[in-house]
N, C-alpha and C. Protein backbone atom coordinates (compact mmCIF):
# COMPACT_ATOMS: atom_id res chain seq x y z
N MET A 1 6.38 -73.20 40.78
CA MET A 1 5.74 -72.47 41.88
C MET A 1 6.67 -71.40 42.45
N ASN A 2 7.93 -71.75 42.63
CA ASN A 2 8.90 -70.80 43.18
C ASN A 2 9.14 -69.64 42.23
N ILE A 3 9.20 -69.90 40.93
CA ILE A 3 9.46 -68.85 39.93
C ILE A 3 8.30 -67.86 39.91
N ASN A 4 7.08 -68.36 39.98
CA ASN A 4 5.91 -67.48 40.00
C ASN A 4 5.92 -66.60 41.25
N PHE A 5 6.30 -67.18 42.38
CA PHE A 5 6.34 -66.41 43.61
C PHE A 5 7.40 -65.30 43.52
N LEU A 6 8.58 -65.63 42.95
CA LEU A 6 9.63 -64.63 42.81
C LEU A 6 9.20 -63.53 41.84
N GLY A 7 8.50 -63.90 40.77
CA GLY A 7 8.01 -62.89 39.83
C GLY A 7 7.00 -61.96 40.49
N PHE A 8 6.10 -62.53 41.28
CA PHE A 8 5.13 -61.71 42.00
C PHE A 8 5.83 -60.81 43.01
N TYR A 9 6.87 -61.35 43.66
CA TYR A 9 7.62 -60.59 44.66
C TYR A 9 8.34 -59.41 44.00
N PHE A 10 9.00 -59.64 42.86
CA PHE A 10 9.68 -58.54 42.17
C PHE A 10 8.68 -57.54 41.60
N PHE A 11 7.53 -58.04 41.13
CA PHE A 11 6.46 -57.17 40.66
C PHE A 11 5.99 -56.26 41.79
N TYR A 12 5.81 -56.84 42.98
CA TYR A 12 5.39 -56.08 44.16
C TYR A 12 6.47 -55.07 44.55
N LEU A 13 7.72 -55.51 44.57
CA LEU A 13 8.82 -54.61 44.94
C LEU A 13 8.94 -53.45 43.95
N PHE A 14 8.76 -53.75 42.65
CA PHE A 14 8.85 -52.71 41.63
C PHE A 14 7.81 -51.62 41.89
N PHE A 15 6.55 -52.01 42.12
CA PHE A 15 5.52 -51.01 42.36
C PHE A 15 5.67 -50.34 43.71
N PHE A 16 6.23 -51.08 44.69
CA PHE A 16 6.48 -50.46 46.00
C PHE A 16 7.51 -49.34 45.87
N PHE A 17 8.61 -49.63 45.18
CA PHE A 17 9.62 -48.59 45.01
C PHE A 17 9.13 -47.46 44.11
N LEU A 18 8.29 -47.79 43.13
CA LEU A 18 7.68 -46.76 42.31
C LEU A 18 6.80 -45.85 43.18
N ASP A 19 6.06 -46.45 44.09
CA ASP A 19 5.22 -45.69 45.02
C ASP A 19 6.08 -44.81 45.92
N VAL A 20 7.18 -45.35 46.42
CA VAL A 20 8.08 -44.57 47.28
C VAL A 20 8.68 -43.40 46.50
N ILE A 21 9.07 -43.65 45.25
CA ILE A 21 9.65 -42.60 44.42
C ILE A 21 8.63 -41.48 44.18
N PHE A 22 7.38 -41.85 43.87
CA PHE A 22 6.35 -40.83 43.64
C PHE A 22 6.00 -40.09 44.93
N TYR A 23 6.06 -40.80 46.07
CA TYR A 23 5.81 -40.16 47.36
C TYR A 23 6.87 -39.09 47.64
N ILE A 24 8.13 -39.45 47.40
CA ILE A 24 9.23 -38.49 47.59
C ILE A 24 9.10 -37.33 46.60
N LYS A 25 8.71 -37.64 45.37
CA LYS A 25 8.53 -36.59 44.37
C LYS A 25 7.43 -35.62 44.80
N ASN A 26 6.32 -36.15 45.35
CA ASN A 26 5.24 -35.28 45.81
C ASN A 26 5.69 -34.40 46.96
N ILE A 27 6.46 -34.98 47.88
CA ILE A 27 6.98 -34.17 48.99
C ILE A 27 7.88 -33.05 48.46
N LEU A 28 8.75 -33.37 47.52
CA LEU A 28 9.63 -32.35 46.95
C LEU A 28 8.83 -31.28 46.21
N CYS A 29 7.76 -31.69 45.53
CA CYS A 29 6.91 -30.71 44.84
C CYS A 29 6.23 -29.79 45.83
N TYR A 30 5.76 -30.36 46.96
CA TYR A 30 5.13 -29.52 47.98
C TYR A 30 6.14 -28.55 48.59
N VAL A 31 7.36 -29.03 48.83
CA VAL A 31 8.40 -28.16 49.38
C VAL A 31 8.72 -27.04 48.40
N LEU A 32 8.84 -27.39 47.12
CA LEU A 32 9.13 -26.38 46.10
C LEU A 32 7.99 -25.37 46.00
N LEU A 33 6.76 -25.86 46.03
CA LEU A 33 5.60 -24.96 45.98
C LEU A 33 5.58 -24.03 47.18
N PHE A 34 5.90 -24.57 48.36
CA PHE A 34 5.95 -23.75 49.56
C PHE A 34 7.02 -22.68 49.45
N LEU A 35 8.21 -23.06 48.95
CA LEU A 35 9.30 -22.08 48.82
C LEU A 35 8.93 -20.99 47.82
N ILE A 36 8.29 -21.37 46.71
CA ILE A 36 7.91 -20.37 45.70
C ILE A 36 6.89 -19.40 46.28
N THR A 37 5.86 -19.93 46.96
CA THR A 37 4.84 -19.04 47.52
C THR A 37 5.41 -18.20 48.65
N TYR A 38 6.30 -18.78 49.47
CA TYR A 38 6.88 -18.02 50.58
C TYR A 38 7.72 -16.86 50.07
N THR A 39 8.56 -17.11 49.06
CA THR A 39 9.39 -16.04 48.53
C THR A 39 8.56 -14.99 47.81
N SER A 40 7.52 -15.42 47.09
CA SER A 40 6.70 -14.43 46.40
C SER A 40 5.92 -13.59 47.40
N LEU A 41 5.40 -14.21 48.46
CA LEU A 41 4.71 -13.44 49.49
C LEU A 41 5.67 -12.49 50.20
N GLN A 42 6.90 -12.95 50.42
CA GLN A 42 7.91 -12.10 51.05
C GLN A 42 8.19 -10.89 50.16
N ASN A 43 8.32 -11.11 48.86
CA ASN A 43 8.56 -10.00 47.94
C ASN A 43 7.37 -9.06 47.89
N ILE A 44 6.15 -9.60 47.94
CA ILE A 44 4.95 -8.75 47.92
C ILE A 44 4.92 -7.87 49.16
N PHE A 45 5.18 -8.48 50.34
CA PHE A 45 5.14 -7.68 51.57
C PHE A 45 6.30 -6.71 51.63
N ARG A 46 7.46 -7.10 51.08
CA ARG A 46 8.60 -6.19 51.08
C ARG A 46 8.31 -4.99 50.19
N SER A 47 7.72 -5.22 49.03
CA SER A 47 7.40 -4.10 48.13
C SER A 47 6.30 -3.25 48.74
N ALA A 48 5.34 -3.88 49.44
CA ALA A 48 4.27 -3.10 50.07
C ALA A 48 4.85 -2.25 51.20
N ASN A 49 5.79 -2.79 51.95
CA ASN A 49 6.40 -2.01 53.04
C ASN A 49 7.20 -0.84 52.49
N THR A 50 7.94 -1.05 51.43
CA THR A 50 8.74 0.05 50.89
C THR A 50 7.85 1.11 50.26
N SER A 51 6.71 0.71 49.68
CA SER A 51 5.86 1.70 49.05
C SER A 51 5.10 2.52 50.09
N THR A 52 4.78 1.92 51.24
CA THR A 52 4.03 2.68 52.25
C THR A 52 4.94 3.53 53.13
N HIS A 53 6.23 3.22 53.18
CA HIS A 53 7.14 3.95 54.07
C HIS A 53 8.17 4.75 53.31
N THR A 54 7.82 5.24 52.12
CA THR A 54 8.79 6.02 51.36
C THR A 54 9.04 7.38 52.00
N HIS A 55 8.08 7.87 52.80
CA HIS A 55 8.28 9.19 53.40
C HIS A 55 9.37 9.19 54.44
N LYS A 56 9.75 8.01 54.95
CA LYS A 56 10.82 7.93 55.93
C LYS A 56 12.21 7.92 55.29
N HIS A 57 12.24 7.80 53.99
CA HIS A 57 13.52 7.73 53.30
C HIS A 57 14.17 9.11 53.29
N PRO A 58 15.48 9.21 53.54
CA PRO A 58 16.12 10.53 53.63
C PRO A 58 16.14 11.30 52.31
N LYS A 59 16.04 10.58 51.18
CA LYS A 59 16.10 11.28 49.89
C LYS A 59 14.88 12.18 49.70
N THR A 60 13.75 11.81 50.26
CA THR A 60 12.53 12.59 50.06
C THR A 60 12.64 13.95 50.75
N HIS A 61 13.44 14.04 51.83
CA HIS A 61 13.56 15.31 52.54
C HIS A 61 14.46 16.28 51.77
N THR A 62 15.40 15.76 51.01
CA THR A 62 16.30 16.65 50.26
C THR A 62 15.73 17.01 48.90
N ARG A 63 14.64 16.37 48.50
CA ARG A 63 14.09 16.66 47.18
C ARG A 63 13.40 18.02 47.13
N ALA A 64 12.70 18.37 48.19
CA ALA A 64 11.92 19.61 48.16
C ALA A 64 12.78 20.86 47.97
N PRO A 65 13.89 21.06 48.69
CA PRO A 65 14.71 22.25 48.43
C PRO A 65 15.33 22.27 47.05
N ILE A 66 15.68 21.09 46.52
CA ILE A 66 16.25 21.04 45.17
C ILE A 66 15.20 21.49 44.16
N GLU A 67 13.97 21.03 44.34
CA GLU A 67 12.89 21.47 43.44
C GLU A 67 12.65 22.97 43.57
N LYS A 68 12.72 23.51 44.79
CA LYS A 68 12.54 24.95 44.98
C LYS A 68 13.65 25.73 44.28
N ASN A 69 14.88 25.24 44.40
CA ASN A 69 16.00 25.91 43.74
C ASN A 69 15.83 25.89 42.23
N ARG A 70 15.37 24.78 41.68
CA ARG A 70 15.15 24.71 40.24
C ARG A 70 14.07 25.69 39.80
N ILE A 71 12.99 25.75 40.58
CA ILE A 71 11.91 26.68 40.24
C ILE A 71 12.42 28.12 40.29
N LEU A 72 13.22 28.44 41.32
CA LEU A 72 13.77 29.79 41.42
C LEU A 72 14.69 30.10 40.24
N GLU A 73 15.51 29.11 39.83
CA GLU A 73 16.39 29.33 38.68
C GLU A 73 15.59 29.56 37.41
N ILE A 74 14.53 28.78 37.23
CA ILE A 74 13.69 28.95 36.04
C ILE A 74 13.00 30.32 36.07
N GLN A 75 12.54 30.73 37.26
CA GLN A 75 11.90 32.05 37.38
C GLN A 75 12.90 33.17 37.05
N LYS A 76 14.13 33.04 37.58
CA LYS A 76 15.15 34.05 37.28
C LYS A 76 15.44 34.09 35.79
N PHE A 77 15.52 32.92 35.17
CA PHE A 77 15.79 32.87 33.73
C PHE A 77 14.67 33.53 32.94
N LEU A 78 13.43 33.25 33.34
CA LEU A 78 12.29 33.85 32.64
C LEU A 78 12.25 35.37 32.85
N VAL A 79 12.56 35.80 34.06
CA VAL A 79 12.59 37.24 34.32
C VAL A 79 13.68 37.90 33.48
N ALA A 80 14.84 37.25 33.42
CA ALA A 80 15.94 37.81 32.62
C ALA A 80 15.56 37.86 31.14
N ARG A 81 14.87 36.85 30.65
CA ARG A 81 14.47 36.85 29.24
C ARG A 81 13.43 37.96 28.97
N ASN A 82 12.55 38.17 29.92
CA ASN A 82 11.54 39.22 29.75
C ASN A 82 12.17 40.60 29.79
N ILE A 83 13.18 40.75 30.64
CA ILE A 83 13.84 42.07 30.72
C ILE A 83 14.60 42.34 29.42
N LEU A 84 15.27 41.30 28.89
CA LEU A 84 16.02 41.50 27.65
C LEU A 84 15.03 41.69 26.51
């Protein structure tokens, strides 16, 4: 009688700890899923913010005169070629 009771007790403990282990595993999976979605959403919003606010970047203000200078140089070159 005692041996059967101990076997049932260890059987119960085994499944109890198995249940606890799977419970902890599920919590860790939910935490990992939350971290993955949080970082991906953060990256999505960060990329959306940078794409909508590119006009505030200082490089865009210096691009226009450089492009004008290049166009003027190309025009001068073409005029010089036509004269020659």
